[in-house]
Amino acid sequence: MILCQKRILMLDNDSEIHPLFENAPNTTEFKKLRKRLIRQTREAIETYGMIKPGAKWLVCLSGGKDSYTLLALLYELKWRGLLPVDLLACNLDQGQPGFPSGTLPEFLKRMAVPHRIEYQDTYSIVKSKIPTGKTYCSMCSRLRRGILYRIAREEGCSSIVLGHHRDDILETFFMNLFHGGRLASMPPKLVNEEGDLFLYRPLSFVSEIDCEKFSNALNFPIIPCDLCGSQDGLQRQQVKQLLNEWERRTPGRKQVMFRSLLNARPSHLLDTNLFDFVNLRINHKFEE
């Protein structure tokens, strides 16, 4: 307990706590950013009850800014005694042309991060089944999810941890609203269909721009997310552009919209499965 308290008090300490932070700038701006991200990540983990002491988490790394940010923040929380779980980083090499297969293994080895690299050529499968000009993302995601479930079970992990952030959650909400006809998004905590694994999103309260600033400041070896060449014209990109334009015109609008996901009022919507409108009654003293 004393050690944990000391680590919490060292939040503003300038000393490097892990090789992941070896390039951390010694600036007030970065220290504020780091402190904010730690607070937001810890808040999401505690709010949604993600911690089970002694559990093992499979931390999924794509090589993008978000997954690097996730890995670094989880290691800092673990060092501070605020995350009593084991972490296993995992990258799935899906065989995309041009994917720098050595980047993540070399980085994780140098950072002394326990990891597993899995090679599965899902790219060829998707290419053979999706017509030219169509996007690969949906099918690719399903294949990737199944492989990660298998790896988690093989490694004795109870949870799969993903790097989706606040902006991803907002974009998914509007994707479902505009194209799916439902009010739904990415929950911070979910149980898979088989019921044997949790899916966690500890960066749920973190903005995309902060992930970008953080990963750039630490000079992580970013791998582009468009290696498959299927990203242009996606509906998600259109939604992202719309949200960014709203934010440009009215700074802070994204955060206001995100807060609405934390403040749902079923009685002010129309879903009879969420609220019993049929049996809604007025006060008897006003009835005729």
C-alpha atoms as a PDB file:
ATOM      1  CA  MET A   1       0.000   0.000   0.000  1.00  0.00           C
ATOM      2  CA  ILE A   2       2.852   2.387   0.860  1.00  0.00           C
ATOM      3  CA  LEU A   3       4.544   1.628  -2.471  1.00  0.00           C
ATOM      4  CA  CYS A   4       1.300   2.282  -4.338  1.00  0.00           C
ATOM      5  CA  GLN A   5       0.849   5.628  -2.566  1.00  0.00           C
ATOM      6  CA  LYS A   6       4.405   6.666  -3.411  1.00  0.00           C
ATOM      7  CA  ARG A   7       3.857   5.858  -7.064  1.00  0.00           C
ATOM      8  CA  ILE A   8       0.655   7.878  -7.163  1.00  0.00           C
ATOM      9  CA  LEU A   9       2.471  10.849  -5.635  1.00  0.00           C
ATOM     10  CA  MET A  10       5.172  10.546  -8.304  1.00  0.00           C
ATOM     11  CA  LEU A  11       2.749  11.414 -11.098  1.00  0.00           C
ATOM     12  CA  ASP A  12       4.649  14.629 -11.810  1.00  0.00           C
ATOM     13  CA  ASN A  13       8.079  13.035 -11.437  1.00  0.00           C
ATOM     14  CA  ASP A  14      10.328  13.721 -14.440  1.00  0.00           C
ATOM     15  CA  SER A  15      12.180  10.406 -14.263  1.00  0.00           C
ATOM     16  CA  GLU A  16      11.565   7.866 -17.002  1.00  0.00           C
ATOM     17  CA  ILE A  17       9.658   4.901 -15.659  1.00  0.00           C
ATOM     18  CA  HIS A  18       9.831   2.533 -18.627  1.00  0.00           C
ATOM     19  CA  PRO A  19      11.725   2.307 -21.938  1.00  0.00           C
ATOM     20  CA  LEU A  20       8.448   3.246 -23.671  1.00  0.00           C
ATOM     21  CA  PHE A  21       9.027   6.750 -22.296  1.00  0.00           C
ATOM     22  CA  GLU A  22      12.685   7.018 -23.267  1.00  0.00           C
ATOM     23  CA  ASN A  23      11.949   9.844 -25.717  1.00  0.00           C
ATOM     24  CA  ALA A  24       9.541  11.720 -23.451  1.00  0.00           C
ATOM     25  CA  PRO A  25      10.008  15.508 -23.812  1.00  0.00           C
ATOM     26  CA  ASN A  26      10.855  17.371 -20.647  1.00  0.00           C
ATOM     27  CA  THR A  27       8.310  20.100 -21.324  1.00  0.00           C
ATOM     28  CA  THR A  28       5.399  21.428 -19.297  1.00  0.00           C
ATOM     29  CA  GLU A  29       3.067  20.872 -22.250  1.00  0.00           C
ATOM     30  CA  PHE A  30       3.919  17.174 -22.526  1.00  0.00           C
ATOM     31  CA  LYS A  31       3.717  16.646 -18.774  1.00  0.00           C
ATOM     32  CA  LYS A  32       0.202  18.104 -18.762  1.00  0.00           C
ATOM     33  CA  LEU A  33      -0.792  15.913 -21.698  1.00  0.00           C
ATOM     34  CA  ARG A  34       0.632  12.797 -20.072  1.00  0.00           C
ATOM     35  CA  LYS A  35      -1.086  13.546 -16.790  1.00  0.00           C
ATOM     36  CA  ARG A  36      -4.419  14.158 -18.528  1.00  0.00           C
ATOM     37  CA  LEU A  37      -4.242  10.914 -20.490  1.00  0.00           C
ATOM     38  CA  ILE A  38      -3.338   8.910 -17.408  1.00  0.00           C
ATOM     39  CA  ARG A  39      -6.276  10.433 -15.539  1.00  0.00           C
ATOM     40  CA  GLN A  40      -8.734   9.797 -18.374  1.00  0.00           C
ATOM     41  CA  THR A  41      -7.573   6.219 -18.913  1.00  0.00           C
ATOM     42  CA  ARG A  42      -7.711   5.452 -15.208  1.00  0.00           C
ATOM     43  CA  GLU A  43     -11.193   6.982 -15.030  1.00  0.00           C
ATOM     44  CA  ALA A  44     -12.492   4.764 -17.845  1.00  0.00           C
ATOM     45  CA  ILE A  45     -10.949   1.639 -16.320  1.00  0.00           C
ATOM     46  CA  GLU A  46     -12.467   2.345 -12.914  1.00  0.00           C
ATOM     47  CA  THR A  47     -15.835   3.627 -14.169  1.00  0.00           C
ATOM     48  CA  TYR A  48     -16.513   0.472 -16.155  1.00  0.00           C
ATOM     49  CA  GLY A  49     -14.994  -2.003 -13.713  1.00  0.00           C
ATOM     50  CA  MET A  50     -12.259  -3.390 -15.932  1.00  0.00           C
ATOM     51  CA  ILE A  51      -9.811  -4.445 -13.231  1.00  0.00           C
ATOM     52  CA  LYS A  52      -9.717  -7.935 -11.807  1.00  0.00           C
ATOM     53  CA  PRO A  53      -6.420  -8.309  -9.893  1.00  0.00           C
ATOM     54  CA  GLY A  54      -4.238 -11.045 -11.323  1.00  0.00           C
ATOM     55  CA  ALA A  55      -5.979 -11.099 -14.696  1.00  0.00           C
ATOM     56  CA  LYS A  56      -4.072 -11.165 -17.959  1.00  0.00           C
ATOM     57  CA  TRP A  57      -4.859  -8.698 -20.751  1.00  0.00           C
ATOM     58  CA  LEU A  58      -4.122  -9.148 -24.447  1.00  0.00           C
ATOM     59  CA  VAL A  59      -3.239  -5.634 -25.615  1.00  0.00           C
ATOM     60  CA  CYS A  60      -3.815  -5.379 -29.361  1.00  0.00           C
ATOM     61  CA  LEU A  61      -1.255  -3.355 -31.311  1.00  0.00           C
ATOM     62  CA  SER A  62      -1.773  -2.279 -34.897  1.00  0.00           C
ATOM     63  CA  GLY A  63       1.266  -0.028 -34.955  1.00  0.00           C
ATOM     64  CA  GLY A  64      -0.885   3.092 -35.141  1.00  0.00           C
ATOM     65  CA  LYS A  65      -0.803   6.104 -32.841  1.00  0.00           C
ATOM     66  CA  ASP A  66      -3.771   4.899 -30.777  1.00  0.00           C
ATOM     67  CA  SER A  67      -2.441   1.447 -29.944  1.00  0.00           C
ATOM     68  CA  TYR A  68       1.005   2.816 -29.034  1.00  0.00           C
ATOM     69  CA  THR A  69      -0.662   5.347 -26.744  1.00  0.00           C
ATOM     70  CA  LEU A  70      -2.739   2.581 -25.178  1.00  0.00           C
ATOM     71  CA  LEU A  71       0.313   0.418 -24.500  1.00  0.00           C
ATOM     72  CA  ALA A  72       2.319   3.234 -22.918  1.00  0.00           C
ATOM     73  CA  LEU A  73      -0.529   4.413 -20.676  1.00  0.00           C
ATOM     74  CA  LEU A  74      -1.301   0.894 -19.460  1.00  0.00           C
ATOM     75  CA  TYR A  75       2.356   0.368 -18.580  1.00  0.00           C
ATOM     76  CA  GLU A  76       2.467   3.637 -16.675  1.00  0.00           C
ATOM     77  CA  LEU A  77      -0.681   2.723 -14.718  1.00  0.00           C
ATOM     78  CA  LYS A  78       0.774  -0.705 -14.017  1.00  0.00           C
ATOM     79  CA  TRP A  79       4.037   0.822 -12.777  1.00  0.00           C
ATOM     80  CA  ARG A  80       2.122   3.130 -10.450  1.00  0.00           C
ATOM     81  CA  GLY A  81       0.359   0.159  -8.871  1.00  0.00           C
ATOM     82  CA  LEU A  82      -3.001   1.207 -10.335  1.00  0.00           C
ATOM     83  CA  LEU A  83      -3.356  -1.677 -12.770  1.00  0.00           C
ATOM     84  CA  PRO A  84      -2.648  -5.022 -11.055  1.00  0.00           C
ATOM     85  CA  VAL A  85      -2.872  -7.169 -14.196  1.00  0.00           C
ATOM     86  CA  ASP A  86      -0.407  -8.824 -16.560  1.00  0.00           C
ATOM     87  CA  LEU A  87      -0.056  -7.342 -20.036  1.00  0.00           C
ATOM     88  CA  LEU A  88       0.744  -9.220 -23.234  1.00  0.00           C
ATOM     89  CA  ALA A  89       1.096  -7.107 -26.365  1.00  0.00           C
ATOM     90  CA  CYS A  90      -0.098  -8.732 -29.564  1.00  0.00           C
ATOM     91  CA  ASN A  91       0.213  -7.742 -33.201  1.00  0.00           C
ATOM     92  CA  LEU A  92      -1.600  -9.531 -35.997  1.00  0.00           C
ATOM     93  CA  ASP A  93       0.291  -9.354 -39.287  1.00  0.00           C
ATOM     94  CA  GLN A  94      -2.487  -9.871 -41.841  1.00  0.00           C
ATOM     95  CA  GLY A  95      -0.278 -10.000 -44.910  1.00  0.00           C
ATOM     96  CA  GLN A  96      -1.032  -6.560 -46.350  1.00  0.00           C
ATOM     97  CA  PRO A  97       1.390  -5.578 -49.125  1.00  0.00           C
ATOM     98  CA  GLY A  98       4.095  -3.328 -47.776  1.00  0.00           C
ATOM     99  CA  PHE A  99       3.475  -4.121 -44.113  1.00  0.00           C
ATOM    100  CA  PRO A 100       6.799  -3.611 -42.270  1.00  0.00           C
ATOM    101  CA  SER A 101       6.736  -6.932 -40.438  1.00  0.00           C
ATOM    102  CA  GLY A 102       9.895  -6.247 -38.469  1.00  0.00           C
ATOM    103  CA  THR A 103       8.883  -2.868 -37.005  1.00  0.00           C
ATOM    104  CA  LEU A 104       6.727  -3.966 -34.082  1.00  0.00           C
ATOM    105  CA  PRO A 105       8.735  -7.069 -33.023  1.00  0.00           C
ATOM    106  CA  GLU A 106      11.937  -5.030 -32.952  1.00  0.00           C
ATOM    107  CA  PHE A 107      10.277  -2.176 -31.083  1.00  0.00           C
ATOM    108  CA  LEU A 108       8.623  -4.408 -28.472  1.00  0.00           C
ATOM    109  CA  LYS A 109      11.818  -6.372 -27.896  1.00  0.00           C
ATOM    110  CA  ARG A 110      13.786  -3.152 -27.420  1.00  0.00           C
ATOM    111  CA  MET A 111      11.107  -1.853 -25.045  1.00  0.00           C
ATOM    112  CA  ALA A 112      11.208  -5.103 -23.011  1.00  0.00           C
ATOM    113  CA  VAL A 113       7.468  -5.599 -23.559  1.00  0.00           C
ATOM    114  CA  PRO A 114       6.217  -9.226 -23.481  1.00  0.00           C
ATOM    115  CA  HIS A 115       4.550  -9.832 -26.817  1.00  0.00           C
ATOM    116  CA  ARG A 116       3.249 -12.247 -29.402  1.00  0.00           C
ATOM    117  CA  ILE A 117       3.368 -11.669 -33.158  1.00  0.00           C
ATOM    118  CA  GLU A 118       0.865 -13.698 -35.167  1.00  0.00           C
ATOM    119  CA  TYR A 119       0.994 -14.011 -38.941  1.00  0.00           C
ATOM    120  CA  GLN A 120      -2.272 -14.844 -40.723  1.00  0.00           C
ATOM    121  CA  ASP A 121      -2.733 -13.901 -44.372  1.00  0.00           C
ATOM    122  CA  THR A 122      -6.304 -12.662 -44.096  1.00  0.00           C
ATOM    123  CA  TYR A 123      -5.555 -10.037 -46.743  1.00  0.00           C
ATOM    124  CA  SER A 124      -5.568 -12.642 -49.530  1.00  0.00           C
ATOM    125  CA  ILE A 125      -8.817 -14.111 -48.230  1.00  0.00           C
ATOM    126  CA  VAL A 126     -10.523 -10.722 -48.176  1.00  0.00           C
ATOM    127  CA  LYS A 127      -9.184  -9.819 -51.631  1.00  0.00           C
ATOM    128  CA  SER A 128     -10.577 -13.032 -53.075  1.00  0.00           C
ATOM    129  CA  LYS A 129     -14.058 -12.478 -51.663  1.00  0.00           C
ATOM    130  CA  ILE A 130     -14.620  -8.711 -51.840  1.00  0.00           C
ATOM    131  CA  PRO A 131     -15.254  -7.228 -55.321  1.00  0.00           C
ATOM    132  CA  THR A 132     -12.795  -4.653 -56.631  1.00  0.00           C
ATOM    133  CA  GLY A 133     -13.711  -1.165 -55.498  1.00  0.00           C
ATOM    134  CA  LYS A 134     -15.527  -2.300 -52.364  1.00  0.00           C
ATOM    135  CA  THR A 135     -14.108  -1.748 -48.892  1.00  0.00           C
ATOM    136  CA  TYR A 136     -12.434  -4.608 -47.065  1.00  0.00           C
ATOM    137  CA  CYS A 137     -12.842  -3.332 -43.531  1.00  0.00           C
ATOM    138  CA  SER A 138     -15.938  -5.238 -42.382  1.00  0.00           C
ATOM    139  CA  MET A 139     -14.777  -8.688 -43.411  1.00  0.00           C
ATOM    140  CA  CYS A 140     -11.189  -7.984 -42.384  1.00  0.00           C
ATOM    141  CA  SER A 141     -12.429  -6.945 -38.941  1.00  0.00           C
ATOM    142  CA  ARG A 142     -14.431 -10.150 -38.479  1.00  0.00           C
ATOM    143  CA  LEU A 143     -11.483 -12.340 -39.427  1.00  0.00           C
ATOM    144  CA  ARG A 144      -9.141 -10.375 -37.186  1.00  0.00           C
ATOM    145  CA  ARG A 145     -11.535 -10.597 -34.249  1.00  0.00           C
ATOM    146  CA  GLY A 146     -11.764 -14.396 -34.515  1.00  0.00           C
ATOM    147  CA  ILE A 147      -7.988 -14.750 -34.576  1.00  0.00           C
ATOM    148  CA  LEU A 148      -7.548 -12.471 -31.567  1.00  0.00           C
ATOM    149  CA  TYR A 149     -10.138 -14.472 -29.620  1.00  0.00           C
ATOM    150  CA  ARG A 150      -8.151 -17.629 -30.324  1.00  0.00           C
ATOM    151  CA  ILE A 151      -4.865 -16.036 -29.291  1.00  0.00           C
ATOM    152  CA  ALA A 152      -6.388 -14.708 -26.059  1.00  0.00           C
ATOM    153  CA  ARG A 153      -7.603 -18.196 -25.137  1.00  0.00           C
ATOM    154  CA  GLU A 154      -4.267 -19.778 -26.008  1.00  0.00           C
ATOM    155  CA  GLU A 155      -2.421 -17.238 -23.858  1.00  0.00           C
ATOM    156  CA  GLY A 156      -4.782 -17.517 -20.881  1.00  0.00           C
ATOM    157  CA  CYS A 157      -6.041 -13.943 -21.229  1.00  0.00           C
ATOM    158  CA  SER A 158      -9.427 -12.971 -19.838  1.00  0.00           C
ATOM    159  CA  SER A 159      -9.639  -9.706 -21.779  1.00  0.00           C
ATOM    160  CA  ILE A 160      -8.818  -8.276 -25.184  1.00  0.00           C
ATOM    161  CA  VAL A 161      -7.831  -4.612 -24.927  1.00  0.00           C
ATOM    162  CA  LEU A 162      -8.364  -2.285 -27.883  1.00  0.00           C
ATOM    163  CA  GLY A 163      -7.114   1.222 -28.635  1.00  0.00           C
ATOM    164  CA  HIS A 164     -10.416   2.819 -29.681  1.00  0.00           C
ATOM    165  CA  HIS A 165     -10.708   6.378 -28.366  1.00  0.00           C
ATOM    166  CA  ARG A 166     -13.456   8.953 -27.846  1.00  0.00           C
ATOM    167  CA  ASP A 167     -13.540   9.979 -31.506  1.00  0.00           C
ATOM    168  CA  ASP A 168     -13.897   6.363 -32.649  1.00  0.00           C
ATOM    169  CA  ILE A 169     -16.870   5.980 -30.323  1.00  0.00           C
ATOM    170  CA  LEU A 170     -18.498   9.167 -31.613  1.00  0.00           C
ATOM    171  CA  GLU A 171     -17.910   8.202 -35.234  1.00  0.00           C
ATOM    172  CA  THR A 172     -19.445   4.768 -34.653  1.00  0.00           C
ATOM    173  CA  PHE A 173     -22.468   6.370 -33.004  1.00  0.00           C
ATOM    174  CA  PHE A 174     -23.100   8.587 -36.029  1.00  0.00           C
ATOM    175  CA  MET A 175     -22.377   5.715 -38.432  1.00  0.00           C
ATOM    176  CA  ASN A 176     -25.132   3.728 -36.742  1.00  0.00           C
ATOM    177  CA  LEU A 177     -27.406   6.776 -36.654  1.00  0.00           C
ATOM    178  CA  PHE A 178     -26.941   7.716 -40.325  1.00  0.00           C
ATOM    179  CA  HIS A 179     -26.555   4.287 -41.908  1.00  0.00           C
ATOM    180  CA  GLY A 180     -27.712   1.664 -39.404  1.00  0.00           C
ATOM    181  CA  GLY A 181     -30.955   3.131 -38.093  1.00  0.00           C
ATOM    182  CA  ARG A 182     -30.054   2.551 -34.458  1.00  0.00           C
ATOM    183  CA  LEU A 183     -28.624   4.360 -31.449  1.00  0.00           C
ATOM    184  CA  ALA A 184     -25.483   2.380 -30.638  1.00  0.00           C
ATOM    185  CA  SER A 185     -21.747   2.794 -30.434  1.00  0.00           C
ATOM    186  CA  MET A 186     -18.603   1.058 -29.128  1.00  0.00           C
ATOM    187  CA  PRO A 187     -19.031   0.301 -25.420  1.00  0.00           C
ATOM    188  CA  PRO A 188     -15.987   0.656 -23.157  1.00  0.00           C
ATOM    189  CA  LYS A 189     -16.632  -2.865 -21.851  1.00  0.00           C
ATOM    190  CA  LEU A 190     -18.231  -5.784 -23.672  1.00  0.00           C
ATOM    191  CA  VAL A 191     -18.512  -9.559 -23.374  1.00  0.00           C
ATOM    192  CA  ASN A 192     -17.981 -11.532 -26.576  1.00  0.00           C
ATOM    193  CA  GLU A 193     -20.747 -13.701 -28.016  1.00  0.00           C
ATOM    194  CA  GLU A 194     -19.237 -16.878 -26.584  1.00  0.00           C
ATOM    195  CA  GLY A 195     -19.293 -15.286 -23.140  1.00  0.00           C
ATOM    196  CA  ASP A 196     -15.701 -16.158 -22.209  1.00  0.00           C
ATOM    197  CA  LEU A 197     -13.791 -12.950 -22.971  1.00  0.00           C
ATOM    198  CA  PHE A 198     -14.090  -9.263 -22.159  1.00  0.00           C
ATOM    199  CA  LEU A 199     -13.358  -6.538 -24.691  1.00  0.00           C
ATOM    200  CA  TYR A 200     -12.031  -3.364 -23.067  1.00  0.00           C
ATOM    201  CA  ARG A 201     -11.502   0.126 -24.481  1.00  0.00           C
ATOM    202  CA  PRO A 202      -9.530   2.040 -21.814  1.00  0.00           C
ATOM    203  CA  LEU A 203      -9.048   5.067 -24.089  1.00  0.00           C
ATOM    204  CA  SER A 204     -12.804   5.724 -24.282  1.00  0.00           C
ATOM    205  CA  PHE A 205     -12.424   9.155 -22.662  1.00  0.00           C
ATOM    206  CA  VAL A 206      -9.273  10.126 -24.618  1.00  0.00           C
ATOM    207  CA  SER A 207      -9.458  12.298 -27.741  1.00  0.00           C
ATOM    208  CA  GLU A 208      -7.819  11.311 -31.019  1.00  0.00           C
ATOM    209  CA  ILE A 209      -5.807  14.520 -31.192  1.00  0.00           C
ATOM    210  CA  ASP A 210      -4.296  13.793 -27.775  1.00  0.00           C
ATOM    211  CA  CYS A 211      -3.320  10.283 -28.916  1.00  0.00           C
ATOM    212  CA  GLU A 212      -1.610  11.821 -31.914  1.00  0.00           C
ATOM    213  CA  LYS A 213       0.239  14.418 -29.840  1.00  0.00           C
ATOM    214  CA  PHE A 214       1.308  11.789 -27.315  1.00  0.00           C
ATOM    215  CA  SER A 215       2.595   9.221 -29.826  1.00  0.00           C
ATOM    216  CA  ASN A 216       4.365  11.880 -31.885  1.00  0.00           C
ATOM    217  CA  ALA A 217       6.042  13.301 -28.792  1.00  0.00           C
ATOM    218  CA  LEU A 218       7.394   9.863 -27.897  1.00  0.00           C
ATOM    219  CA  ASN A 219       8.477   9.219 -31.488  1.00  0.00           C
ATOM    220  CA  PHE A 220       6.808   5.818 -31.773  1.00  0.00           C
ATOM    221  CA  PRO A 221       7.415   4.020 -35.118  1.00  0.00           C
ATOM    222  CA  ILE A 222       3.971   4.562 -36.634  1.00  0.00           C
ATOM    223  CA  ILE A 223       2.702   2.097 -39.244  1.00  0.00           C
ATOM    224  CA  PRO A 224       0.096   3.621 -41.619  1.00  0.00           C
ATOM    225  CA  CYS A 225      -3.445   2.270 -41.357  1.00  0.00           C
ATOM    226  CA  ASP A 226      -4.177   2.319 -45.111  1.00  0.00           C
ATOM    227  CA  LEU A 227      -1.845  -0.427 -46.302  1.00  0.00           C
ATOM    228  CA  CYS A 228      -4.723  -2.385 -47.836  1.00  0.00           C
ATOM    229  CA  GLY A 229      -5.661   0.599 -49.999  1.00  0.00           C
ATOM    230  CA  SER A 230      -9.352   0.394 -49.086  1.00  0.00           C
ATOM    231  CA  GLN A 231      -9.709   3.456 -46.909  1.00  0.00           C
ATOM    232  CA  ASP A 232     -10.632   6.188 -49.423  1.00  0.00           C
ATOM    233  CA  GLY A 233     -14.307   7.073 -49.576  1.00  0.00           C
ATOM    234  CA  LEU A 234     -15.334   5.088 -46.525  1.00  0.00           C
ATOM    235  CA  GLN A 235     -18.497   6.207 -44.780  1.00  0.00           C
ATOM    236  CA  ARG A 236     -16.465   6.495 -41.589  1.00  0.00           C
ATOM    237  CA  GLN A 237     -14.154   9.005 -43.245  1.00  0.00           C
ATOM    238  CA  GLN A 238     -17.155  11.081 -44.235  1.00  0.00           C
ATOM    239  CA  VAL A 239     -18.447  11.037 -40.675  1.00  0.00           C
ATOM    240  CA  LYS A 240     -14.986  11.937 -39.353  1.00  0.00           C
ATOM    241  CA  GLN A 241     -14.821  14.916 -41.684  1.00  0.00           C
ATOM    242  CA  LEU A 242     -18.284  16.037 -40.593  1.00  0.00           C
ATOM    243  CA  LEU A 243     -17.395  15.845 -36.892  1.00  0.00           C
ATOM    244  CA  ASN A 244     -14.106  17.637 -37.451  1.00  0.00           C
ATOM    245  CA  GLU A 245     -15.898  20.429 -39.309  1.00  0.00           C
ATOM    246  CA  TRP A 246     -18.373  20.801 -36.433  1.00  0.00           C
ATOM    247  CA  GLU A 247     -15.461  20.917 -33.995  1.00  0.00           C
ATOM    248  CA  ARG A 248     -13.686  23.524 -36.108  1.00  0.00           C
ATOM    249  CA  ARG A 249     -16.754  25.746 -36.169  1.00  0.00           C
ATOM    250  CA  THR A 250     -17.652  25.190 -32.527  1.00  0.00           C
ATOM    251  CA  PRO A 251     -14.653  24.057 -30.435  1.00  0.00           C
ATOM    252  CA  GLY A 252     -15.698  21.617 -27.720  1.00  0.00           C
ATOM    253  CA  ARG A 253     -18.702  20.239 -29.611  1.00  0.00           C
ATOM    254  CA  LYS A 254     -17.230  16.727 -29.782  1.00  0.00           C
ATOM    255  CA  GLN A 255     -16.929  16.555 -26.015  1.00  0.00           C
ATOM    256  CA  VAL A 256     -20.504  17.808 -25.580  1.00  0.00           C
ATOM    257  CA  MET A 257     -21.780  15.130 -27.964  1.00  0.00           C
ATOM    258  CA  PHE A 258     -19.709  12.499 -26.212  1.00  0.00           C
ATOM    259  CA  ARG A 259     -21.193  13.486 -22.849  1.00  0.00           C
ATOM    260  CA  SER A 260     -24.643  12.748 -24.279  1.00  0.00           C
ATOM    261  CA  LEU A 261     -23.627   9.080 -24.544  1.00  0.00           C
ATOM    262  CA  LEU A 262     -23.078   9.162 -20.787  1.00  0.00           C
ATOM    263  CA  ASN A 263     -26.474  10.767 -20.171  1.00  0.00           C
ATOM    264  CA  ALA A 264     -29.082   8.669 -21.992  1.00  0.00           C
ATOM    265  CA  ARG A 265     -32.735   9.171 -21.048  1.00  0.00           C
ATOM    266  CA  PRO A 266     -34.826   6.222 -22.281  1.00  0.00           C
ATOM    267  CA  SER A 267     -38.091   7.959 -21.314  1.00  0.00           C
ATOM    268  CA  HIS A 268     -37.242  10.723 -23.802  1.00  0.00           C
ATOM    269  CA  LEU A 269     -36.643   8.359 -26.711  1.00  0.00           C
ATOM    270  CA  LEU A 270     -39.032   6.013 -28.524  1.00  0.00           C
ATOM    271  CA  ASP A 271     -37.785   2.514 -27.752  1.00  0.00           C
ATOM    272  CA  THR A 272     -40.501   0.553 -25.919  1.00  0.00           C
ATOM    273  CA  ASN A 273     -37.923  -2.102 -25.009  1.00  0.00           C
ATOM    274  CA  LEU A 274     -36.086   0.451 -22.895  1.00  0.00           C
ATOM    275  CA  PHE A 275     -39.056   2.256 -21.370  1.00  0.00           C
ATOM    276  CA  ASP A 276     -42.566   1.034 -20.575  1.00  0.00           C
ATOM    277  CA  PHE A 277     -44.666   3.742 -22.234  1.00  0.00           C
ATOM    278  CA  VAL A 278     -47.819   1.579 -22.268  1.00  0.00           C
ATOM    279  CA  ASN A 279     -48.005   1.337 -18.491  1.00  0.00           C
ATOM    280  CA  LEU A 280     -46.992   4.935 -17.846  1.00  0.00           C
ATOM    281  CA  ARG A 281     -49.534   6.487 -15.467  1.00  0.00           C
ATOM    282  CA  ILE A 282     -50.320   9.944 -14.158  1.00  0.00           C
ATOM    283  CA  ASN A 283     -50.888  10.755 -10.526  1.00  0.00           C
ATOM    284  CA  HIS A 284     -54.236   9.289  -9.388  1.00  0.00           C
ATOM    285  CA  LYS A 285     -55.439  12.502  -7.763  1.00  0.00           C
ATOM    286  CA  PHE A 286     -55.638  14.120 -11.210  1.00  0.00           C
ATOM    287  CA  GLU A 287     -57.492  11.255 -12.879  1.00  0.00           C
ATOM    288  CA  GLU A 288     -61.202  11.723 -13.567  1.00  0.00           C
END
